[in-house]
């Protein structure tokens, strides 16, 4: 249920240590960061930004494909069937990641809204 996973050394907000964090990206957008030491996760609701990023990636795809074809026509043609089959699954994983993070962010914000309404 993830897009692209990267790892980086960051200072954790919870444990205060400089530890390895797992960074989950959907396209070019950072969706979540998880401390590998204490498990603290920070998630972002990037739905609007993701839609804009996906539109841009889809619009620029023909140009990028043509550039790759011009650079290496044979290897590009050879890899195209596999890449074409894998692309929808990759986008689906990204969509699931973005939806899950948005849901988690909303769930965390609901108690704060209720407290504000009661005041």
C-alpha atoms as a PDB file:
ATOM      1  CA  UNK A   1       0.000   0.000   0.000  1.00  0.00           C
ATOM      2  CA  UNK A   2       2.902   2.374  -0.638  1.00  0.00           C
ATOM      3  CA  UNK A   3       4.296   4.443  -3.453  1.00  0.00           C
ATOM      4  CA  UNK A   4       8.056   4.936  -3.422  1.00  0.00           C
ATOM      5  CA  UNK A   5       9.962   4.329  -0.183  1.00  0.00           C
ATOM      6  CA  UNK A   6      13.186   6.154   0.646  1.00  0.00           C
ATOM      7  CA  UNK A   7      15.240   6.240   3.823  1.00  0.00           C
ATOM      8  CA  UNK A   8      16.882   9.252   5.446  1.00  0.00           C
ATOM      9  CA  UNK A   9      18.469  10.126   8.764  1.00  0.00           C
ATOM     10  CA  UNK A  10      16.311  12.711  10.535  1.00  0.00           C
ATOM     11  CA  UNK A  11      15.698  13.876  14.101  1.00  0.00           C
ATOM     12  CA  UNK A  12      12.495  12.316  15.409  1.00  0.00           C
ATOM     13  CA  UNK A  13       9.944  14.659  16.988  1.00  0.00           C
ATOM     14  CA  UNK A  14       8.911  12.052  19.549  1.00  0.00           C
ATOM     15  CA  UNK A  15      12.133  10.338  20.682  1.00  0.00           C
ATOM     16  CA  UNK A  16      14.471  13.248  19.855  1.00  0.00           C
ATOM     17  CA  UNK A  17      17.101  10.942  18.357  1.00  0.00           C
ATOM     18  CA  UNK A  18      18.753  11.198  14.972  1.00  0.00           C
ATOM     19  CA  UNK A  19      17.436   7.983  13.438  1.00  0.00           C
ATOM     20  CA  UNK A  20      16.616   6.415  10.108  1.00  0.00           C
ATOM     21  CA  UNK A  21      13.172   7.406   8.884  1.00  0.00           C
ATOM     22  CA  UNK A  22      11.134   5.692   6.206  1.00  0.00           C
ATOM     23  CA  UNK A  23       9.785   8.310   3.794  1.00  0.00           C
ATOM     24  CA  UNK A  24       6.774   7.327   1.676  1.00  0.00           C
ATOM     25  CA  UNK A  25       6.211   9.248  -1.547  1.00  0.00           C
ATOM     26  CA  UNK A  26       3.232   9.291  -3.892  1.00  0.00           C
ATOM     27  CA  UNK A  27       4.680  10.586  -7.122  1.00  0.00           C
ATOM     28  CA  UNK A  28       6.859  13.502  -6.136  1.00  0.00           C
ATOM     29  CA  UNK A  29       4.999  14.247  -2.898  1.00  0.00           C
ATOM     30  CA  UNK A  30       6.091  13.227   0.581  1.00  0.00           C
ATOM     31  CA  UNK A  31       3.085  11.567   2.214  1.00  0.00           C
ATOM     32  CA  UNK A  32       4.507  10.129   5.432  1.00  0.00           C
ATOM     33  CA  UNK A  33       7.633   9.852   7.543  1.00  0.00           C
ATOM     34  CA  UNK A  34       8.091   7.034  10.057  1.00  0.00           C
ATOM     35  CA  UNK A  35      10.847   6.836  12.676  1.00  0.00           C
ATOM     36  CA  UNK A  36      12.438   3.393  12.534  1.00  0.00           C
ATOM     37  CA  UNK A  37      13.441   3.660  16.213  1.00  0.00           C
ATOM     38  CA  UNK A  38      10.165   4.507  17.984  1.00  0.00           C
ATOM     39  CA  UNK A  39       7.631   4.080  15.169  1.00  0.00           C
ATOM     40  CA  UNK A  40       6.314   7.666  15.312  1.00  0.00           C
ATOM     41  CA  UNK A  41       4.628   8.526  12.007  1.00  0.00           C
ATOM     42  CA  UNK A  42       3.809  11.912  10.549  1.00  0.00           C
ATOM     43  CA  UNK A  43       1.309  11.811   7.698  1.00  0.00           C
ATOM     44  CA  UNK A  44       0.157  14.590   5.388  1.00  0.00           C
ATOM     45  CA  UNK A  45      -3.117  15.029   3.538  1.00  0.00           C
ATOM     46  CA  UNK A  46      -1.807  15.658   0.009  1.00  0.00           C
ATOM     47  CA  UNK A  47      -4.950  14.815  -1.983  1.00  0.00           C
ATOM     48  CA  UNK A  48      -5.204  18.162  -3.796  1.00  0.00           C
ATOM     49  CA  UNK A  49      -1.477  18.337  -4.501  1.00  0.00           C
ATOM     50  CA  UNK A  50      -1.466  14.703  -5.656  1.00  0.00           C
ATOM     51  CA  UNK A  51      -4.208  15.322  -8.226  1.00  0.00           C
ATOM     52  CA  UNK A  52      -2.240  18.281  -9.632  1.00  0.00           C
ATOM     53  CA  UNK A  53       0.991  16.241  -9.636  1.00  0.00           C
ATOM     54  CA  UNK A  54      -0.697  13.285 -11.341  1.00  0.00           C
ATOM     55  CA  UNK A  55      -2.158  15.564 -14.026  1.00  0.00           C
ATOM     56  CA  UNK A  56       1.277  17.019 -14.678  1.00  0.00           C
ATOM     57  CA  UNK A  57       2.889  13.573 -14.854  1.00  0.00           C
ATOM     58  CA  UNK A  58       0.204  12.322 -17.250  1.00  0.00           C
ATOM     59  CA  UNK A  59       0.514  15.393 -19.486  1.00  0.00           C
ATOM     60  CA  UNK A  60       4.304  15.131 -19.645  1.00  0.00           C
ATOM     61  CA  UNK A  61       4.377  11.332 -20.143  1.00  0.00           C
ATOM     62  CA  UNK A  62       4.277  11.377 -23.982  1.00  0.00           C
ATOM     63  CA  UNK A  63       7.210  13.795 -24.075  1.00  0.00           C
ATOM     64  CA  UNK A  64       9.207  11.689 -21.608  1.00  0.00           C
ATOM     65  CA  UNK A  65       8.438   8.501 -23.548  1.00  0.00           C
ATOM     66  CA  UNK A  66       9.595  10.084 -26.805  1.00  0.00           C
ATOM     67  CA  UNK A  67      12.826  11.289 -25.174  1.00  0.00           C
ATOM     68  CA  UNK A  68      13.563   7.792 -23.847  1.00  0.00           C
ATOM     69  CA  UNK A  69      12.779   6.264 -27.238  1.00  0.00           C
ATOM     70  CA  UNK A  70      15.178   8.646 -28.984  1.00  0.00           C
ATOM     71  CA  UNK A  71      17.981   7.890 -26.527  1.00  0.00           C
ATOM     72  CA  UNK A  72      17.724   4.101 -26.617  1.00  0.00           C
ATOM     73  CA  UNK A  73      15.117   2.841 -29.087  1.00  0.00           C
ATOM     74  CA  UNK A  74      15.787  -0.890 -28.701  1.00  0.00           C
ATOM     75  CA  UNK A  75      15.971  -1.041 -24.928  1.00  0.00           C
ATOM     76  CA  UNK A  76      12.956   1.258 -24.689  1.00  0.00           C
ATOM     77  CA  UNK A  77      10.900  -0.937 -27.025  1.00  0.00           C
ATOM     78  CA  UNK A  78      11.995  -4.040 -25.114  1.00  0.00           C
ATOM     79  CA  UNK A  79      11.006  -2.608 -21.712  1.00  0.00           C
ATOM     80  CA  UNK A  80       7.726  -0.985 -22.806  1.00  0.00           C
ATOM     81  CA  UNK A  81       5.371  -3.985 -22.316  1.00  0.00           C
ATOM     82  CA  UNK A  82       6.547  -4.575 -18.750  1.00  0.00           C
ATOM     83  CA  UNK A  83       6.466  -0.858 -17.894  1.00  0.00           C
ATOM     84  CA  UNK A  84       2.995  -0.421 -19.398  1.00  0.00           C
ATOM     85  CA  UNK A  85       1.662  -3.342 -17.368  1.00  0.00           C
ATOM     86  CA  UNK A  86       3.219  -2.152 -14.102  1.00  0.00           C
ATOM     87  CA  UNK A  87       2.206   1.521 -14.342  1.00  0.00           C
ATOM     88  CA  UNK A  88      -1.493   1.143 -13.364  1.00  0.00           C
ATOM     89  CA  UNK A  89      -0.518  -0.881 -10.292  1.00  0.00           C
ATOM     90  CA  UNK A  90       1.968   1.799  -9.261  1.00  0.00           C
ATOM     91  CA  UNK A  91      -0.643   4.532  -9.572  1.00  0.00           C
ATOM     92  CA  UNK A  92      -3.124   2.404  -7.607  1.00  0.00           C
ATOM     93  CA  UNK A  93      -0.563   1.985  -4.792  1.00  0.00           C
ATOM     94  CA  UNK A  94      -0.013   5.740  -4.758  1.00  0.00           C
ATOM     95  CA  UNK A  95      -3.772   6.397  -4.608  1.00  0.00           C
ATOM     96  CA  UNK A  96      -4.151   4.007  -1.684  1.00  0.00           C
ATOM     97  CA  UNK A  97      -1.263   5.665   0.163  1.00  0.00           C
ATOM     98  CA  UNK A  98      -2.713   9.150  -0.352  1.00  0.00           C
ATOM     99  CA  UNK A  99      -6.224   8.032   0.683  1.00  0.00           C
ATOM    100  CA  UNK A 100      -4.974   6.238   3.794  1.00  0.00           C
ATOM    101  CA  UNK A 101      -2.856   9.200   4.893  1.00  0.00           C
ATOM    102  CA  UNK A 102      -5.750  11.625   4.330  1.00  0.00           C
ATOM    103  CA  UNK A 103      -8.057   9.374   6.349  1.00  0.00           C
ATOM    104  CA  UNK A 104      -5.539   9.146   9.201  1.00  0.00           C
ATOM    105  CA  UNK A 105      -5.023  12.919   9.225  1.00  0.00           C
ATOM    106  CA  UNK A 106      -8.786  13.525   9.338  1.00  0.00           C
ATOM    107  CA  UNK A 107      -9.212  10.968  12.126  1.00  0.00           C
ATOM    108  CA  UNK A 108      -6.552  12.741  14.202  1.00  0.00           C
ATOM    109  CA  UNK A 109      -8.174  16.139  13.610  1.00  0.00           C
ATOM    110  CA  UNK A 110     -11.728  15.048  14.571  1.00  0.00           C
ATOM    111  CA  UNK A 111     -11.175  15.087  18.361  1.00  0.00           C
ATOM    112  CA  UNK A 112      -9.750  18.616  18.040  1.00  0.00           C
ATOM    113  CA  UNK A 113     -12.849  19.753  16.128  1.00  0.00           C
ATOM    114  CA  UNK A 114     -15.162  18.267  18.762  1.00  0.00           C
ATOM    115  CA  UNK A 115     -13.237  20.047  21.526  1.00  0.00           C
ATOM    116  CA  UNK A 116     -13.502  23.347  19.638  1.00  0.00           C
ATOM    117  CA  UNK A 117     -17.259  22.897  19.105  1.00  0.00           C
ATOM    118  CA  UNK A 118     -17.838  22.173  22.803  1.00  0.00           C
ATOM    119  CA  UNK A 119     -15.965  25.302  23.921  1.00  0.00           C
END
